[in-house]
Protein backbone atom coordinates (compact mmCIF):
# COMPACT_ATOMS: atom_id res chain seq x y z
CA MET A 1 89.91 106.02 104.93
CA ARG A 2 89.06 103.45 107.57
CA VAL A 3 90.74 100.05 107.98
CA GLU A 4 89.13 96.92 109.36
CA VAL A 5 90.76 93.56 110.09
CA ASP A 6 88.91 90.25 110.34
CA TYR A 7 91.03 88.70 113.06
CA ASP A 8 89.27 85.35 112.62
CA GLN A 9 90.71 85.17 109.09
CA CYS A 10 94.08 86.79 109.78
CA GLU A 11 97.13 84.49 109.80
CA SER A 12 99.52 87.21 111.04
CA ASN A 13 101.91 86.56 108.16
CA ALA A 14 103.07 90.21 108.25
CA LEU A 15 102.69 90.98 104.54
CA CYS A 16 100.55 93.95 105.55
CA MET A 17 103.23 95.10 107.98
CA GLY A 18 105.73 95.12 105.14
CA ALA A 19 103.41 97.31 103.05
CA ALA A 20 102.34 99.72 105.81
CA PRO A 21 104.38 99.31 109.02
CA GLU A 22 102.94 102.50 110.49
CA VAL A 23 99.46 100.92 110.37
CA PHE A 24 100.00 97.17 110.91
CA GLU A 25 102.28 95.41 113.38
CA VAL A 26 102.85 91.73 114.12
CA ARG A 27 104.31 91.51 117.60
CA ASP A 28 106.32 88.85 119.40
CA ASP A 29 103.07 87.14 120.42
CA ASP A 30 102.44 86.46 116.67
CA PHE A 31 99.24 88.51 116.59
CA LEU A 32 98.47 91.36 114.23
CA TYR A 33 97.78 94.76 115.76
CA LEU A 34 96.07 97.56 113.89
CA LEU A 35 97.93 100.71 114.91
CA ALA A 36 95.66 103.19 113.11
CA GLU A 37 92.04 102.52 112.18
CA GLU A 38 92.02 105.82 110.30
CA PRO A 39 95.54 106.13 108.87
CA ALA A 40 97.10 109.40 107.78
CA ALA A 41 96.86 110.33 104.10
CA GLY A 42 100.52 109.46 103.54
CA SER A 43 99.79 105.84 104.48
CA HIS A 44 96.84 105.26 102.17
CA ASP A 45 98.81 103.74 99.27
CA GLY A 46 100.54 101.30 101.61
CA VAL A 47 97.26 100.33 103.24
CA ARG A 48 95.66 99.64 99.87
CA ARG A 49 98.69 97.53 98.95
CA ALA A 50 98.36 95.63 102.23
CA GLU A 51 94.72 94.90 101.44
CA ARG A 52 95.72 93.47 98.04
CA LEU A 53 98.60 91.43 99.49
CA CYS A 54 96.63 89.76 102.27
CA PRO A 55 96.31 86.09 101.27
CA LYS A 56 93.28 85.57 103.54
CA ARG A 57 91.54 88.82 102.52
CA ALA A 58 91.34 89.73 106.20
CA ILE A 59 91.89 93.46 105.57
CA THR A 60 89.09 95.72 104.38
CA VAL A 61 89.63 99.34 103.37
CA LEU A 62 86.61 101.61 103.50
CA GLU A 63 86.96 104.87 101.59
């Protein structure tokens, strides 16, 4: 699995961080950081959930 974020679309609302905090992080500067472009297998369900939850569809999961 590979994760991509369209930072031009991202609103940094942290819904993805709630679904997969080991992969996504919104820091004090209010920007989203992708912590793992190729997350571990144990994170895949959370990453897929984050993709579904993103209101701006800024997250793309490539299998």
